[in-house]
C-alpha atoms as a PDB file:
ATOM      1  CA  MET A   1      27.690  10.872  72.510  1.00  0.00           C
ATOM      2  CA  THR A   2      29.439  11.447  75.769  1.00  0.00           C
ATOM      3  CA  LYS A   3      33.171  11.950  75.940  1.00  0.00           C
ATOM      4  CA  ASN A   4      33.015   9.429  78.761  1.00  0.00           C
ATOM      5  CA  THR A   5      32.101   6.579  76.403  1.00  0.00           C
ATOM      6  CA  LYS A   6      34.762   7.587  73.932  1.00  0.00           C
ATOM      7  CA  THR A   7      37.580   7.700  76.448  1.00  0.00           C
ATOM      8  CA  ARG A   8      36.543   4.487  78.177  1.00  0.00           C
ATOM      9  CA  ALA A   9      36.950   2.737  74.815  1.00  0.00           C
ATOM     10  CA  SER A  10      40.711   2.660  75.180  1.00  0.00           C
ATOM     11  CA  GLN A  11      40.332   0.803  78.481  1.00  0.00           C
ATOM     12  CA  VAL A  12      38.358  -2.074  76.945  1.00  0.00           C
ATOM     13  CA  ALA A  13      39.956  -2.175  73.490  1.00  0.00           C
ATOM     14  CA  ASP A  14      42.222  -5.067  74.467  1.00  0.00           C
ATOM     15  CA  THR A  15      39.707  -7.036  76.512  1.00  0.00           C
ATOM     16  CA  GLY A  16      37.247  -9.723  75.516  1.00  0.00           C
ATOM     17  CA  THR A  17      34.211  -9.718  73.299  1.00  0.00           C
ATOM     18  CA  VAL A  18      31.770  -9.236  76.178  1.00  0.00           C
ATOM     19  CA  ALA A  19      33.362  -5.946  77.203  1.00  0.00           C
ATOM     20  CA  ARG A  20      33.391  -4.735  73.606  1.00  0.00           C
ATOM     21  CA  VAL A  21      29.768  -5.699  73.017  1.00  0.00           C
ATOM     22  CA  ALA A  22      28.781  -3.984  76.268  1.00  0.00           C
ATOM     23  CA  MET A  23      30.514  -0.830  75.100  1.00  0.00           C
ATOM     24  CA  LEU A  24      28.774  -0.957  71.708  1.00  0.00           C
ATOM     25  CA  LEU A  25      25.383  -1.451  73.370  1.00  0.00           C
ATOM     26  CA  ARG A  26      26.088   1.540  75.561  1.00  0.00           C
ATOM     27  CA  ILE A  27      27.061   3.619  72.523  1.00  0.00           C
ATOM     28  CA  ILE A  28      24.003   2.753  70.459  1.00  0.00           C
ATOM     29  CA  SER A  29      21.661   3.141  73.440  1.00  0.00           C
ATOM     30  CA  GLU A  30      22.881   6.702  73.919  1.00  0.00           C
ATOM     31  CA  ARG A  31      22.123   7.588  70.294  1.00  0.00           C
ATOM     32  CA  SER A  32      18.952   9.563  69.670  1.00  0.00           C
ATOM     33  CA  GLY A  33      18.523   8.127  66.167  1.00  0.00           C
ATOM     34  CA  SER A  34      20.250   5.975  63.576  1.00  0.00           C
ATOM     35  CA  PHE A  35      24.019   5.568  63.474  1.00  0.00           C
ATOM     36  CA  THR A  36      26.638   4.490  60.964  1.00  0.00           C
ATOM     37  CA  LEU A  37      29.590   2.161  61.156  1.00  0.00           C
ATOM     38  CA  THR A  38      31.831   5.231  61.018  1.00  0.00           C
ATOM     39  CA  ASP A  39      30.023   6.776  63.999  1.00  0.00           C
ATOM     40  CA  VAL A  40      30.650   3.720  66.155  1.00  0.00           C
ATOM     41  CA  ILE A  41      34.274   3.389  65.061  1.00  0.00           C
ATOM     42  CA  LYS A  42      34.957   7.014  65.876  1.00  0.00           C
ATOM     43  CA  ILE A  43      33.322   6.839  69.311  1.00  0.00           C
ATOM     44  CA  SER A  44      34.592   3.408  70.355  1.00  0.00           C
ATOM     45  CA  GLY A  45      38.134   3.655  69.052  1.00  0.00           C
ATOM     46  CA  LEU A  46      37.917   0.014  67.951  1.00  0.00           C
ATOM     47  CA  PRO A  47      39.183  -1.223  64.549  1.00  0.00           C
ATOM     48  CA  ALA A  48      36.671  -1.104  61.710  1.00  0.00           C
ATOM     49  CA  PRO A  49      36.647  -4.903  61.139  1.00  0.00           C
ATOM     50  CA  THR A  50      35.946  -5.479  64.841  1.00  0.00           C
ATOM     51  CA  VAL A  51      33.049  -3.021  64.917  1.00  0.00           C
ATOM     52  CA  HIS A  52      31.609  -4.436  61.692  1.00  0.00           C
ATOM     53  CA  ARG A  53      31.797  -7.997  63.056  1.00  0.00           C
ATOM     54  CA  LEU A  54      30.205  -7.080  66.387  1.00  0.00           C
ATOM     55  CA  LEU A  55      27.401  -5.106  64.752  1.00  0.00           C
ATOM     56  CA  ASP A  56      26.674  -8.072  62.508  1.00  0.00           C
ATOM     57  CA  LEU A  57      26.499 -10.335  65.570  1.00  0.00           C
ATOM     58  CA  LEU A  58      24.157  -7.893  67.308  1.00  0.00           C
ATOM     59  CA  ALA A  59      22.038  -7.707  64.156  1.00  0.00           C
ATOM     60  CA  GLN A  60      21.747 -11.506  64.069  1.00  0.00           C
ATOM     61  CA  GLN A  61      20.263 -11.345  67.576  1.00  0.00           C
ATOM     62  CA  GLY A  62      17.897  -8.503  66.701  1.00  0.00           C
ATOM     63  CA  LEU A  63      19.667  -6.041  69.011  1.00  0.00           C
ATOM     64  CA  VAL A  64      20.470  -3.728  66.110  1.00  0.00           C
ATOM     65  CA  ALA A  65      18.924  -3.506  62.638  1.00  0.00           C
ATOM     66  CA  HIS A  66      20.115  -2.287  59.248  1.00  0.00           C
ATOM     67  CA  GLU A  67      18.364   0.687  57.687  1.00  0.00           C
ATOM     68  CA  LYS A  68      17.328  -0.593  54.259  1.00  0.00           C
ATOM     69  CA  SER A  69      17.333   2.864  52.710  1.00  0.00           C
ATOM     70  CA  SER A  70      20.877   3.679  53.827  1.00  0.00           C
ATOM     71  CA  ARG A  71      24.029   2.146  55.247  1.00  0.00           C
ATOM     72  CA  ALA A  72      23.030   3.136  58.751  1.00  0.00           C
ATOM     73  CA  TYR A  73      21.917   1.072  61.730  1.00  0.00           C
ATOM     74  CA  ARG A  74      19.242   1.571  64.361  1.00  0.00           C
ATOM     75  CA  ILE A  75      18.314  -0.086  67.649  1.00  0.00           C
ATOM     76  CA  GLY A  76      16.665  -3.447  67.016  1.00  0.00           C
ATOM     77  CA  THR A  77      13.316  -4.615  68.291  1.00  0.00           C
ATOM     78  CA  GLU A  78      14.888  -7.249  70.537  1.00  0.00           C
ATOM     79  CA  LEU A  79      16.836  -4.590  72.415  1.00  0.00           C
ATOM     80  CA  TYR A  80      13.604  -2.608  72.812  1.00  0.00           C
ATOM     81  CA  ARG A  81      11.935  -5.772  74.124  1.00  0.00           C
ATOM     82  CA  ILE A  82      14.688  -6.467  76.650  1.00  0.00           C
ATOM     83  CA  CYS A  83      14.700  -2.879  77.872  1.00  0.00           C
ATOM     84  CA  SER A  84      10.915  -2.922  78.211  1.00  0.00           C
ATOM     85  CA  LEU A  85      11.051  -6.145  80.232  1.00  0.00           C
ATOM     86  CA  VAL A  86      13.685  -4.737  82.574  1.00  0.00           C
ATOM     87  CA  HIS A  87      11.702  -1.549  83.032  1.00  0.00           C
ATOM     88  CA  SER A  88       8.493  -3.479  83.607  1.00  0.00           C
ATOM     89  CA  ASN A  89       9.817  -6.253  85.839  1.00  0.00           C
ATOM     90  CA  VAL A  90      12.251  -4.191  87.878  1.00  0.00           C
ATOM     91  CA  PRO A  91      10.372  -0.944  88.566  1.00  0.00           C
ATOM     92  CA  LEU A  92      13.014   0.791  90.665  1.00  0.00           C
ATOM     93  CA  SER A  93      11.029   3.996  90.239  1.00  0.00           C
ATOM     94  CA  ARG A  94       8.406   2.507  92.563  1.00  0.00           C
ATOM     95  CA  LEU A  95      10.955   2.700  95.337  1.00  0.00           C
ATOM     96  CA  ILE A  96      12.600   5.987  94.415  1.00  0.00           C
ATOM     97  CA  GLN A  97       9.750   8.288  93.405  1.00  0.00           C
ATOM     98  CA  PRO A  98       7.732   8.062  96.658  1.00  0.00           C
ATOM     99  CA  VAL A  99      10.850   8.862  98.701  1.00  0.00           C
ATOM    100  CA  LEU A 100      11.626  11.881  96.515  1.00  0.00           C
ATOM    101  CA  ALA A 101       8.004  13.009  96.746  1.00  0.00           C
ATOM    102  CA  ASP A 102       8.092  12.780 100.554  1.00  0.00           C
ATOM    103  CA  ALA A 103      11.270  14.866 100.644  1.00  0.00           C
ATOM    104  CA  VAL A 104       9.711  17.525  98.400  1.00  0.00           C
ATOM    105  CA  ALA A 105       6.536  17.568 100.505  1.00  0.00           C
ATOM    106  CA  GLU A 106       8.706  18.205 103.554  1.00  0.00           C
ATOM    107  CA  MET A 107      10.995  20.923 102.152  1.00  0.00           C
ATOM    108  CA  ASP A 108       9.308  22.110  98.926  1.00  0.00           C
ATOM    109  CA  GLU A 109      12.626  21.962  97.095  1.00  0.00           C
ATOM    110  CA  THR A 110      13.371  19.882  94.005  1.00  0.00           C
ATOM    111  CA  CYS A 111      14.760  16.516  95.060  1.00  0.00           C
ATOM    112  CA  TYR A 112      17.007  14.334  92.889  1.00  0.00           C
ATOM    113  CA  PHE A 113      18.265  10.790  93.017  1.00  0.00           C
ATOM    114  CA  ALA A 114      21.702  10.461  91.417  1.00  0.00           C
ATOM    115  CA  LEU A 115      22.793   6.944  90.422  1.00  0.00           C
ATOM    116  CA  TYR A 116      26.376   5.712  90.617  1.00  0.00           C
ATOM    117  CA  LEU A 117      27.646   4.146  87.362  1.00  0.00           C
ATOM    118  CA  PRO A 118      30.490   1.810  88.418  1.00  0.00           C
ATOM    119  CA  ALA A 119      31.406   0.705  84.885  1.00  0.00           C
ATOM    120  CA  GLN A 120      32.009   4.313  83.878  1.00  0.00           C
ATOM    121  CA  LEU A 121      33.129   5.693  87.255  1.00  0.00           C
ATOM    122  CA  ALA A 122      30.485   8.343  86.799  1.00  0.00           C
ATOM    123  CA  VAL A 123      27.197   9.612  88.186  1.00  0.00           C
ATOM    124  CA  MET A 124      23.947  10.452  86.446  1.00  0.00           C
ATOM    125  CA  TYR A 125      20.719  12.040  87.588  1.00  0.00           C
ATOM    126  CA  ASP A 126      18.181   9.237  87.392  1.00  0.00           C
ATOM    127  CA  SER A 127      14.978  10.629  88.939  1.00  0.00           C
ATOM    128  CA  ARG A 128      13.573  13.869  90.308  1.00  0.00           C
ATOM    129  CA  VAL A 129      10.457  15.399  91.803  1.00  0.00           C
ATOM    130  CA  ASP A 130      10.036  19.141  91.341  1.00  0.00           C
ATOM    131  CA  SER A 131       9.103  21.662  93.987  1.00  0.00           C
ATOM    132  CA  SER A 132       6.212  24.094  93.613  1.00  0.00           C
ATOM    133  CA  HIS A 133       8.583  27.003  92.955  1.00  0.00           C
ATOM    134  CA  PRO A 134       8.625  28.426  89.412  1.00  0.00           C
ATOM    135  CA  LEU A 135      12.410  28.834  89.657  1.00  0.00           C
ATOM    136  CA  ASN A 136      14.184  25.451  89.782  1.00  0.00           C
ATOM    137  CA  TYR A 137      17.290  23.860  88.323  1.00  0.00           C
ATOM    138  CA  ARG A 138      16.407  20.993  85.996  1.00  0.00           C
ATOM    139  CA  PHE A 139      19.420  18.889  85.188  1.00  0.00           C
ATOM    140  CA  GLU A 140      19.468  16.506  82.260  1.00  0.00           C
ATOM    141  CA  CYS A 141      18.762  12.966  83.435  1.00  0.00           C
ATOM    142  CA  HIS A 142      20.581   9.828  82.259  1.00  0.00           C
ATOM    143  CA  LYS A 143      23.707  11.716  81.240  1.00  0.00           C
ATOM    144  CA  PRO A 144      26.988  10.413  82.753  1.00  0.00           C
ATOM    145  CA  MET A 145      28.847  13.122  84.675  1.00  0.00           C
ATOM    146  CA  SER A 146      32.059  13.445  86.646  1.00  0.00           C
ATOM    147  CA  LEU A 147      32.306  12.265  90.247  1.00  0.00           C
ATOM    148  CA  LEU A 148      34.731  15.053  91.118  1.00  0.00           C
ATOM    149  CA  TRP A 149      32.271  17.926  91.130  1.00  0.00           C
ATOM    150  CA  GLY A 150      29.026  18.813  92.816  1.00  0.00           C
ATOM    151  CA  ALA A 151      27.310  17.288  95.827  1.00  0.00           C
ATOM    152  CA  SER A 152      25.975  14.400  93.729  1.00  0.00           C
ATOM    153  CA  GLY A 153      29.405  13.307  92.507  1.00  0.00           C
ATOM    154  CA  ARG A 154      31.381  13.878  95.668  1.00  0.00           C
ATOM    155  CA  THR A 155      28.827  12.164  97.892  1.00  0.00           C
ATOM    156  CA  ILE A 156      29.418   9.007  95.867  1.00  0.00           C
ATOM    157  CA  LEU A 157      33.166   9.491  95.428  1.00  0.00           C
ATOM    158  CA  ALA A 158      33.580   9.733  99.206  1.00  0.00           C
ATOM    159  CA  TYR A 159      32.585   6.079  99.623  1.00  0.00           C
ATOM    160  CA  LEU A 160      34.791   4.584  96.922  1.00  0.00           C
ATOM    161  CA  SER A 161      38.138   2.912  97.517  1.00  0.00           C
ATOM    162  CA  PRO A 162      41.364   4.926  97.240  1.00  0.00           C
ATOM    163  CA  GLU A 163      42.115   3.112  93.970  1.00  0.00           C
ATOM    164  CA  LEU A 164      38.783   4.107  92.435  1.00  0.00           C
ATOM    165  CA  ILE A 165      39.161   7.681  93.657  1.00  0.00           C
ATOM    166  CA  ASP A 166      42.532   7.892  91.896  1.00  0.00           C
ATOM    167  CA  ALA A 167      40.998   6.330  88.768  1.00  0.00           C
ATOM    168  CA  ALA A 168      38.207   8.920  88.807  1.00  0.00           C
ATOM    169  CA  ILE A 169      40.782  11.702  89.021  1.00  0.00           C
ATOM    170  CA  ALA A 170      42.846  10.170  86.211  1.00  0.00           C
ATOM    171  CA  GLN A 171      39.861   9.932  83.839  1.00  0.00           C
ATOM    172  CA  GLU A 172      38.539  13.430  84.497  1.00  0.00           C
ATOM    173  CA  THR A 173      39.431  14.551  80.960  1.00  0.00           C
ATOM    174  CA  GLN A 174      36.536  12.385  79.725  1.00  0.00           C
ATOM    175  CA  PHE A 175      34.053  14.971  80.895  1.00  0.00           C
ATOM    176  CA  SER A 176      33.369  18.564  79.964  1.00  0.00           C
ATOM    177  CA  PRO A 177      35.830  20.725  81.917  1.00  0.00           C
ATOM    178  CA  GLN A 178      34.446  21.933  85.237  1.00  0.00           C
ATOM    179  CA  GLY A 179      37.613  23.840  86.012  1.00  0.00           C
ATOM    180  CA  PRO A 180      41.148  22.930  87.072  1.00  0.00           C
ATOM    181  CA  LEU A 181      41.526  19.503  88.642  1.00  0.00           C
ATOM    182  CA  PRO A 182      41.207  19.765  92.421  1.00  0.00           C
ATOM    183  CA  ASP A 183      44.354  19.267  94.450  1.00  0.00           C
ATOM    184  CA  ARG A 184      44.396  15.584  95.406  1.00  0.00           C
ATOM    185  CA  GLU A 185      45.067  16.150  99.100  1.00  0.00           C
ATOM    186  CA  ALA A 186      42.406  18.845  99.315  1.00  0.00           C
ATOM    187  CA  LEU A 187      39.945  16.545  97.555  1.00  0.00           C
ATOM    188  CA  LEU A 188      40.697  13.651  99.911  1.00  0.00           C
ATOM    189  CA  ALA A 189      40.190  15.958 102.881  1.00  0.00           C
ATOM    190  CA  ALA A 190      36.837  17.083 101.464  1.00  0.00           C
ATOM    191  CA  LEU A 191      35.779  13.458 100.940  1.00  0.00           C
ATOM    192  CA  ALA A 192      36.783  12.549 104.492  1.00  0.00           C
ATOM    193  CA  ASP A 193      34.626  15.438 105.713  1.00  0.00           C
ATOM    194  CA  ILE A 194      31.676  14.099 103.714  1.00  0.00           C
ATOM    195  CA  ARG A 195      32.063  10.668 105.320  1.00  0.00           C
ATOM    196  CA  LEU A 196      32.314  12.222 108.758  1.00  0.00           C
ATOM    197  CA  LYS A 197      29.203  14.373 108.323  1.00  0.00           C
ATOM    198  CA  GLY A 198      27.198  11.944 106.197  1.00  0.00           C
ATOM    199  CA  TYR A 199      26.307  14.441 103.474  1.00  0.00           C
ATOM    200  CA  SER A 200      27.784  16.833 100.917  1.00  0.00           C
ATOM    201  CA  HIS A 201      26.977  20.518 100.570  1.00  0.00           C
ATOM    202  CA  THR A 202      28.335  22.388  97.536  1.00  0.00           C
ATOM    203  CA  HIS A 203      27.719  25.758  95.938  1.00  0.00           C
ATOM    204  CA  GLY A 204      28.135  26.272  92.213  1.00  0.00           C
ATOM    205  CA  GLU A 205      30.606  23.436  91.627  1.00  0.00           C
ATOM    206  CA  ARG A 206      28.870  21.695  88.738  1.00  0.00           C
ATOM    207  CA  VAL A 207      26.504  24.488  87.687  1.00  0.00           C
ATOM    208  CA  ALA A 208      27.010  28.144  88.555  1.00  0.00           C
ATOM    209  CA  GLY A 209      24.431  29.357  91.037  1.00  0.00           C
ATOM    210  CA  ALA A 210      23.243  25.895  92.057  1.00  0.00           C
ATOM    211  CA  VAL A 211      23.355  24.871  95.708  1.00  0.00           C
ATOM    212  CA  GLY A 212      23.423  21.129  96.362  1.00  0.00           C
ATOM    213  CA  VAL A 213      22.730  19.154  99.536  1.00  0.00           C
ATOM    214  CA  LEU A 214      22.863  15.362  99.034  1.00  0.00           C
ATOM    215  CA  ALA A 215      23.372  12.295 101.217  1.00  0.00           C
ATOM    216  CA  PRO A 216      24.592   8.792 100.307  1.00  0.00           C
ATOM    217  CA  VAL A 217      22.311   5.903  99.362  1.00  0.00           C
ATOM    218  CA  PHE A 218      23.543   2.332  99.920  1.00  0.00           C
ATOM    219  CA  ASP A 219      22.400  -0.956  98.376  1.00  0.00           C
ATOM    220  CA  HIS A 220      21.745  -4.432  99.805  1.00  0.00           C
ATOM    221  CA  ASN A 221      25.505  -5.033 100.009  1.00  0.00           C
ATOM    222  CA  ASP A 222      25.916  -1.824 102.030  1.00  0.00           C
ATOM    223  CA  GLU A 223      27.892  -0.386  99.122  1.00  0.00           C
ATOM    224  CA  ILE A 224      27.392   3.072  97.669  1.00  0.00           C
ATOM    225  CA  TYR A 225      24.533   3.074  95.190  1.00  0.00           C
ATOM    226  CA  GLY A 226      23.846   6.753  94.644  1.00  0.00           C
ATOM    227  CA  ALA A 227      22.949  10.020  96.325  1.00  0.00           C
ATOM    228  CA  LEU A 228      19.694  11.742  97.219  1.00  0.00           C
ATOM    229  CA  GLY A 229      19.006  15.338  98.049  1.00  0.00           C
ATOM    230  CA  PHE A 230      18.152  18.833  96.976  1.00  0.00           C
ATOM    231  CA  THR A 231      19.376  21.269  94.341  1.00  0.00           C
ATOM    232  CA  ILE A 232      18.343  24.879  94.883  1.00  0.00           C
ATOM    233  CA  PRO A 233      18.960  28.094  92.921  1.00  0.00           C
ATOM    234  CA  GLU A 234      21.144  30.402  94.996  1.00  0.00           C
ATOM    235  CA  GLN A 235      18.574  33.185  94.534  1.00  0.00           C
ATOM    236  CA  ARG A 236      16.209  31.241  96.764  1.00  0.00           C
ATOM    237  CA  PHE A 237      18.703  29.561  99.049  1.00  0.00           C
ATOM    238  CA  GLU A 238      18.428  30.613 102.693  1.00  0.00           C
ATOM    239  CA  SER A 239      21.394  29.573 104.812  1.00  0.00           C
ATOM    240  CA  ASP A 240      19.294  29.263 107.947  1.00  0.00           C
ATOM    241  CA  ARG A 241      17.365  26.425 106.234  1.00  0.00           C
ATOM    242  CA  LEU A 242      20.542  24.438 105.612  1.00  0.00           C
ATOM    243  CA  PRO A 243      20.248  22.280 108.778  1.00  0.00           C
ATOM    244  CA  LEU A 244      16.678  21.353 107.803  1.00  0.00           C
ATOM    245  CA  LEU A 245      17.739  20.491 104.262  1.00  0.00           C
ATOM    246  CA  ILE A 246      20.596  18.346 105.573  1.00  0.00           C
ATOM    247  CA  ASP A 247      18.334  16.495 108.011  1.00  0.00           C
ATOM    248  CA  SER A 248      15.773  15.836 105.293  1.00  0.00           C
ATOM    249  CA  ALA A 249      18.355  14.648 102.741  1.00  0.00           C
ATOM    250  CA  VAL A 250      20.000  12.310 105.250  1.00  0.00           C
ATOM    251  CA  LYS A 251      16.656  10.964 106.466  1.00  0.00           C
ATOM    252  CA  HIS A 252      15.249  10.258 103.012  1.00  0.00           C
ATOM    253  CA  ALA A 253      18.545   8.858 101.697  1.00  0.00           C
ATOM    254  CA  GLY A 254      18.449   6.492 104.664  1.00  0.00           C
ATOM    255  CA  ALA A 255      14.855   5.535 103.877  1.00  0.00           C
ATOM    256  CA  LEU A 256      15.801   4.684 100.293  1.00  0.00           C
ATOM    257  CA  SER A 257      18.841   2.724 101.490  1.00  0.00           C
ATOM    258  CA  ASN A 258      16.574   0.658 103.733  1.00  0.00           C
ATOM    259  CA  ALA A 259      14.159   0.076 100.850  1.00  0.00           C
ATOM    260  CA  LEU A 260      17.069  -1.179  98.738  1.00  0.00           C
ATOM    261  CA  GLY A 261      18.014  -3.663 101.447  1.00  0.00           C
ATOM    262  CA  ALA A 262      20.902  -1.874 103.152  1.00  0.00           C
ATOM    263  CA  SER A 263      21.657  -2.877 106.717  1.00  0.00           C
ATOM    264  CA  GLU A 264      19.577  -1.183 109.375  1.00  0.00           C
ATOM    265  CA  GLY A 265      21.332   1.964 110.512  1.00  0.00           C
ATOM    266  CA  VAL A 266      23.947   1.946 107.760  1.00  0.00           C
ATOM    267  CA  SER A 267      25.669   5.322 107.888  1.00  0.00           C
ATOM    268  CA  SER A 268      28.587   7.286 106.567  1.00  0.00           C
ATOM    269  CA  ILE A 269      30.571   6.411 109.676  1.00  0.00           C
ATOM    270  CA  SER A 270      30.049   2.658 109.311  1.00  0.00           C
ATOM    271  CA  LYS A 271      30.892   2.869 105.591  1.00  0.00           C
ATOM    272  CA  ALA A 272      33.926   5.123 105.944  1.00  0.00           C
ATOM    273  CA  VAL A 273      36.754   4.327 103.559  1.00  0.00           C
ATOM    274  CA  GLN A 274      40.254   5.049 104.772  1.00  0.00           C
ATOM    275  CA  THR A 275      42.069   7.027 102.105  1.00  0.00           C
END
């Protein structure tokens, strides 16, 4: 279970049932197998009676199920059904994968789409298409990560409000340490530079030896939705190809933004956030 989920628990502990149920669904969905009441209590930080009551309510709706042979729980068939319906009826991959494939065909470098997770103030790699090279970085998908590091995180962070940027800095201890917290003023200057240029280029920030070039993706509300671009091992990175990589990342991020319904010509300049 991610440290992110555990730390976020304290922020919803005093809110309503919906927020608590949402957190429990997130916790159990991130489990790779069965889980116990103690597991959920430890991760959520909620009182034992509250967790027990909410799990019973979820069990009544078929979203979780009791293991008859033990005191553990597992994901229920109704939750599987709902997830399957969402995946089937809202095939976002139909939009994303062809754009990634076009970018890889153009540059022959592994292309990722990183999705912004507003509820967790985090980013996760959602989709990728690999290059033909035997040497590639393959990041774990669907794992929440910090917004403060790497081209994927900072591309998204650059288009958030000053309040959300400060919140992302404040919650950084949720994630595995990437190093000392960046100086706030230096970080804000770096984010302003990303908005000005319309892309982020980092070297070894999240993973040693990984070069990232990503551009912002916007949704139908012209709000930041994610980031798209390339991650390249430094052993193969050629600096003279950087302008081509930037152009390709920006172009294909724009194509995905248009497919998601963003305004025609939406850009980093039009979406700049004054910090």
